[in-house]
Amino acid sequence: FITVVLALGLGFVAYGLSIALYVRAQRDLGAAKTSAYYAVAPFVGMVLGWILYSDALQPSFWIALTLMLGGTAILVHHELNS
């Protein structure tokens, strides 16, 4: 029973609350700024995971980080210049 309650709580926070906050940000900040902030989320997750788990950074990490940075730069540049 506790597993179901925890799963529902995780779903509420990870999906429901994030959608509500995203819609509010769209309204308050506008599409360009919201997209720019939203694009930063994977980097925040990466840094938190690295801090919490203290794993050694493998070569595949640096490749993935380069791709993420490139994609984010393209997105932010496109959104801010639209």
Protein backbone atom coordinates (compact mmCIF):
# COMPACT_ATOMS: atom_id res chain seq x y z
CA PHE A 1 0.00 0.00 0.00
CA ILE A 2 2.77 2.44 0.89
CA THR A 3 4.43 1.82 -2.49
CA VAL A 4 1.25 2.86 -4.28
CA VAL A 5 0.97 6.01 -2.18
CA LEU A 6 4.61 6.89 -2.87
CA ALA A 7 4.15 6.27 -6.59
CA LEU A 8 1.08 8.52 -6.65
CA GLY A 9 2.98 11.22 -4.78
CA LEU A 10 5.88 10.99 -7.20
CA GLY A 11 3.51 11.20 -10.15
CA PHE A 12 1.82 14.25 -8.67
CA VAL A 13 5.11 16.08 -8.16
CA ALA A 14 6.97 14.90 -11.26
CA TYR A 15 4.11 15.29 -13.72
CA GLY A 16 1.14 17.16 -12.31
CA LEU A 17 2.97 19.91 -10.46
CA SER A 18 5.53 20.39 -13.23
CA ILE A 19 2.78 20.88 -15.82
CA ALA A 20 0.97 23.37 -13.61
CA LEU A 21 4.16 25.34 -13.01
CA TYR A 22 5.06 25.23 -16.71
CA VAL A 23 1.67 26.64 -17.71
CA ARG A 24 1.97 29.38 -15.10
CA ALA A 25 5.46 30.24 -16.34
CA GLN A 26 4.14 30.45 -19.90
CA ARG A 27 1.55 32.94 -18.74
CA ASP A 28 3.83 35.02 -16.50
CA LEU A 29 7.17 34.89 -18.37
CA GLY A 30 6.22 34.26 -21.96
CA ALA A 31 7.19 31.43 -24.29
CA ALA A 32 10.81 32.42 -24.97
CA LYS A 33 11.92 32.77 -21.35
CA THR A 34 9.98 29.71 -20.25
CA SER A 35 11.61 27.61 -22.98
CA ALA A 36 15.05 28.90 -22.03
CA TYR A 37 14.54 28.02 -18.37
CA TYR A 38 12.98 24.67 -19.26
CA ALA A 39 16.02 23.83 -21.39
CA VAL A 40 18.26 24.19 -18.33
CA ALA A 41 16.44 21.42 -16.39
CA PRO A 42 18.57 18.49 -17.70
CA PHE A 43 21.72 20.26 -16.54
CA VAL A 44 20.31 20.81 -13.07
CA GLY A 45 19.41 17.12 -12.91
CA MET A 46 22.88 16.14 -14.09
CA VAL A 47 24.63 18.28 -11.47
CA LEU A 48 22.35 17.02 -8.69
CA GLY A 49 22.91 13.41 -9.74
CA TRP A 50 26.66 13.92 -9.86
CA ILE A 51 26.67 15.53 -6.40
CA LEU A 52 24.36 12.94 -4.82
CA TYR A 53 25.99 9.83 -6.28
CA SER A 54 29.62 11.03 -6.63
CA ASP A 55 30.21 8.90 -9.71
CA ALA A 56 33.33 9.27 -11.80
CA LEU A 57 32.62 11.11 -15.04
CA GLN A 58 33.03 8.71 -17.97
CA PRO A 59 33.93 9.71 -21.56
CA SER A 60 30.32 9.08 -22.59
CA PHE A 61 29.28 11.75 -20.08
CA TRP A 62 31.40 14.37 -21.82
CA ILE A 63 29.97 13.39 -25.22
CA ALA A 64 26.42 13.61 -23.88
CA LEU A 65 27.15 16.91 -22.14
CA THR A 66 28.51 18.38 -25.38
CA LEU A 67 25.37 17.30 -27.25
CA MET A 68 23.11 18.68 -24.52
CA LEU A 69 24.93 22.01 -24.49
CA GLY A 70 24.77 22.26 -28.27
CA GLY A 71 21.06 21.48 -28.37
CA THR A 72 20.32 23.90 -25.57
CA ALA A 73 22.32 26.66 -27.23
CA ILE A 74 20.43 26.17 -30.48
CA LEU A 75 17.07 26.18 -28.67
CA VAL A 76 17.82 29.26 -26.60
CA HIS A 77 19.29 31.15 -29.57
CA HIS A 78 16.28 30.29 -31.73
CA GLU A 79 13.71 31.17 -29.04
CA LEU A 80 15.32 34.45 -28.07
CA ASN A 81 15.71 35.56 -31.69
CA SER A 82 12.17 34.68 -32.76
